[in-house]
Protein backbone atom coordinates (compact mmCIF):
# COMPACT_ATOMS: atom_id res chain seq x y z
CA MET A 1 5.27 43.33 -46.90
CA THR A 2 2.87 42.32 -49.68
CA THR A 3 0.44 44.64 -51.44
CA GLU A 4 -2.39 42.16 -51.77
CA ASP A 5 -5.86 42.91 -50.39
CA THR A 6 -6.78 41.26 -47.13
CA THR A 7 -10.01 39.38 -46.72
CA GLY A 8 -12.08 40.24 -43.68
CA GLY A 9 -14.47 38.26 -41.53
CA LEU A 10 -13.96 34.65 -40.48
CA LEU A 11 -12.18 33.75 -43.73
CA GLY A 12 -9.83 36.71 -43.28
CA LYS A 13 -9.07 35.62 -39.72
CA VAL A 14 -8.24 32.06 -40.88
CA ALA A 15 -6.08 33.44 -43.69
CA GLY A 16 -4.35 35.75 -41.19
CA LYS A 17 -3.56 32.85 -38.85
CA ALA A 18 -2.20 30.84 -41.78
CA LYS A 19 0.01 33.75 -42.85
CA GLU A 20 1.19 34.27 -39.27
CA ALA A 21 2.01 30.54 -38.89
CA ALA A 22 3.72 30.35 -42.29
CA GLY A 23 5.73 33.49 -41.57
CA SER A 24 6.81 32.17 -38.16
CA LEU A 25 7.83 28.78 -39.59
CA THR A 26 9.70 30.24 -42.52
CA GLY A 27 11.21 33.12 -40.59
CA GLN A 28 9.43 35.75 -42.66
CA ASN A 29 8.58 38.27 -40.00
CA ASP A 30 6.76 40.54 -42.47
CA LEU A 31 4.42 37.69 -43.43
CA ALA A 32 3.81 36.84 -39.76
CA ARG A 33 3.14 40.52 -38.99
CA GLU A 34 0.80 40.78 -41.98
CA GLY A 35 -1.09 37.71 -40.71
CA ARG A 36 -1.49 39.31 -37.25
CA LEU A 37 -2.69 42.56 -38.86
CA GLN A 38 -5.16 40.63 -41.02
CA GLN A 39 -6.47 38.87 -37.90
CA ALA A 40 -6.82 42.20 -36.07
CA GLN A 41 -8.58 43.72 -39.07
CA SER A 42 -10.94 40.72 -39.26
CA ASP A 43 -11.66 40.98 -35.52
CA ALA A 44 -12.34 44.72 -35.95
CA GLU A 45 -14.69 44.05 -38.88
CA VAL A 46 -16.51 41.36 -36.91
CA GLN A 47 -16.79 43.71 -33.92
CA ALA A 48 -17.96 46.56 -36.19
CA LYS A 49 -20.64 44.29 -37.69
CA GLN A 50 -21.73 43.22 -34.19
CA ASP A 51 -21.78 46.84 -33.05
CA ALA A 52 -23.79 47.84 -36.13
CA THR A 53 -26.21 44.95 -35.56
CA GLU A 54 -26.63 45.90 -31.89
CA ALA A 55 -27.09 49.56 -32.85
CA ARG A 56 -29.78 48.60 -35.41
CA GLN A 57 -31.45 46.41 -32.79
CA ARG A 58 -31.39 49.23 -30.21
CA GLU A 59 -32.74 51.60 -32.85
CA GLN A 60 -35.53 49.17 -33.72
CA GLU A 61 -36.31 48.70 -30.03
CA ALA A 62 -36.40 52.47 -29.60
CA GLU A 63 -38.76 52.73 -32.58
CA VAL A 64 -40.99 50.03 -31.09
CA GLU A 65 -41.01 51.87 -27.74
CA GLN A 66 -41.78 55.14 -29.53
CA LYS A 67 -44.67 53.45 -31.36
CA LYS A 68 -45.92 52.03 -28.05
CA THR A 69 -45.74 55.49 -26.51
CA ASP A 70 -47.48 57.04 -29.53
CA ASN A 71 -50.17 54.35 -29.38
CA GLU A 72 -50.71 54.93 -25.67
CA ILE A 73 -50.96 58.69 -26.26
CA GLU A 74 -53.46 58.08 -29.06
CA ARG A 75 -55.41 55.65 -26.86
CA GLU A 76 -55.61 58.25 -24.08
CA ARG A 77 -56.65 60.93 -26.59
CA LEU A 78 -59.40 58.65 -27.90
CA ARG A 79 -60.52 57.81 -24.36
CA ALA A 80 -60.72 61.51 -23.58
CA GLU A 81 -62.64 62.10 -26.81
CA VAL A 82 -65.10 59.31 -26.01
CA ALA A 83 -65.48 60.60 -22.44
CA GLU A 84 -66.17 64.09 -23.78
CA ALA A 85 -68.74 62.71 -26.21
CA ASP A 86 -70.35 60.79 -23.34
CA ARG A 87 -70.43 63.95 -21.21
CA GLU A 88 -72.02 65.88 -24.07
CA LYS A 89 -74.64 63.15 -24.54
CA GLN A 90 -75.40 63.21 -20.80
CA ILE A 91 -75.70 67.00 -20.88
CA GLU A 92 -78.08 66.71 -23.84
CA ARG A 93 -80.13 64.04 -22.03
CA ASP A 94 -80.26 66.21 -18.90
CA ARG A 95 -81.31 69.24 -20.98
CA ALA A 96 -84.03 67.22 -22.75
CA ARG A 97 -85.25 65.84 -19.41
CA ALA A 98 -85.34 69.37 -17.92
CA GLU A 99 -87.27 70.63 -20.95
CA GLN A 100 -89.68 67.70 -20.65
CA GLN A 101 -90.19 68.39 -16.95
CA ALA A 102 -90.71 72.09 -17.64
CA ALA A 103 -93.26 71.28 -20.36
CA GLU A 104 -95.06 68.86 -18.04
CA GLN A 105 -95.07 71.47 -15.24
CA ALA A 106 -96.41 74.11 -17.66
CA ALA A 107 -99.13 71.69 -18.80
CA ARG A 108 -100.06 70.94 -15.17
CA GLU A 109 -100.18 74.66 -14.36
CA LYS A 110 -102.27 75.34 -17.46
CA GLN A 111 -104.63 72.50 -16.51
CA ALA A 112 -104.84 73.83 -12.94
CA ALA A 113 -105.57 77.33 -14.26
CA ALA A 114 -108.28 75.99 -16.59
CA THR A 115 -109.79 73.96 -13.74
CA SER A 116 -109.68 76.99 -11.46
CA GLU A 117 -111.24 79.15 -14.16
CA ARG A 118 -114.04 76.60 -14.71
CA ALA A 119 -114.59 76.39 -10.95
CA GLY A 120 -114.73 80.17 -10.78
CA GLU A 121 -117.16 80.29 -13.68
CA GLN A 122 -119.31 77.59 -12.04
CA ALA A 123 -119.22 79.44 -8.72
CA ALA A 124 -120.13 82.68 -10.47
CA ALA A 125 -122.93 80.92 -12.33
CA GLN A 126 -124.14 79.36 -9.10
CA GLN A 127 -124.00 82.73 -7.35
CA ALA A 128 -125.81 84.31 -10.27
CA GLY A 129 -128.40 81.54 -10.10
CA GLN A 130 -128.76 82.01 -6.35
CA ALA A 131 -128.99 85.76 -6.82
CA GLY A 132 -131.67 85.21 -9.46
CA VAL A 133 -133.57 82.92 -7.12
CA GLU A 134 -133.15 85.42 -4.29
CA HIS A 135 -134.24 88.24 -6.58
CA ALA A 136 -137.29 86.24 -7.67
CA ARG A 137 -138.10 85.43 -4.03
CA GLU A 138 -137.71 89.08 -3.08
CA ALA A 139 -139.80 90.14 -6.08
CA ALA A 140 -142.48 87.63 -5.08
CA GLU A 141 -142.32 88.87 -1.49
CA ALA A 142 -142.60 92.45 -2.76
CA ASP A 143 -145.60 91.48 -4.90
CA ARG A 144 -147.17 89.72 -1.93
CA LEU A 145 -146.54 92.72 0.32
CA GLU A 146 -147.96 95.07 -2.31
CA ALA A 147 -151.03 92.86 -2.64
CA GLU A 148 -151.36 92.74 1.15
CA ALA A 149 -150.97 96.48 1.32
CA ALA A 150 -153.59 96.88 -1.39
CA ARG A 151 -155.95 94.59 0.56
CA ALA A 152 -155.23 96.52 3.75
CA ALA A 153 -155.95 99.75 1.91
CA ASN A 154 -159.21 98.29 0.59
CA THR A 155 -160.08 97.10 4.04
CA ALA A 156 -159.29 100.53 5.42
CA ASP A 157 -161.39 102.14 2.72
CA THR A 158 -164.20 99.80 3.56
CA ILE A 159 -163.97 100.64 7.24
CA ASP A 160 -163.56 104.34 6.79
CA PRO A 161 -164.45 105.48 3.30
CA ARG A 162 -163.35 109.03 4.00
CA SER A 163 -159.73 108.12 4.54
CA ALA A 164 -159.46 106.90 0.97
CA ARG A 165 -157.85 110.00 -0.23
């Protein structure tokens, strides 16, 4: 057996086959065995490199899937955030509309109260005017009746002067 280093990979496999063939032709069993071992080692190295490459690829695929998952989670979080903001805006619009409606209702009620108050004042003024007219009519009637009574008393005094007392 030799103590030289073996080369791996494709070149190592070719060298191993050459050693195996040379050892078989020359009857050097150790050289043939060393060639077979070098081929096996080269095959193992090639397989290890393939396994490592596949493992890196699976790892990269897993990372890509994880990023996709993270992106989807972030997308859903952002959608929920936007939906919440939209709900808050709608609540604010509803609140503003309710305040506007309440202010309009209060203004209508205030207007109705002012109109009612003016109508009441006008009715009171009209009643006061009618009462004044009625009072003046009654005062005129009283004056007329007093004058008529005074005339009747004068007439009575003229007819019977003794009853004047």
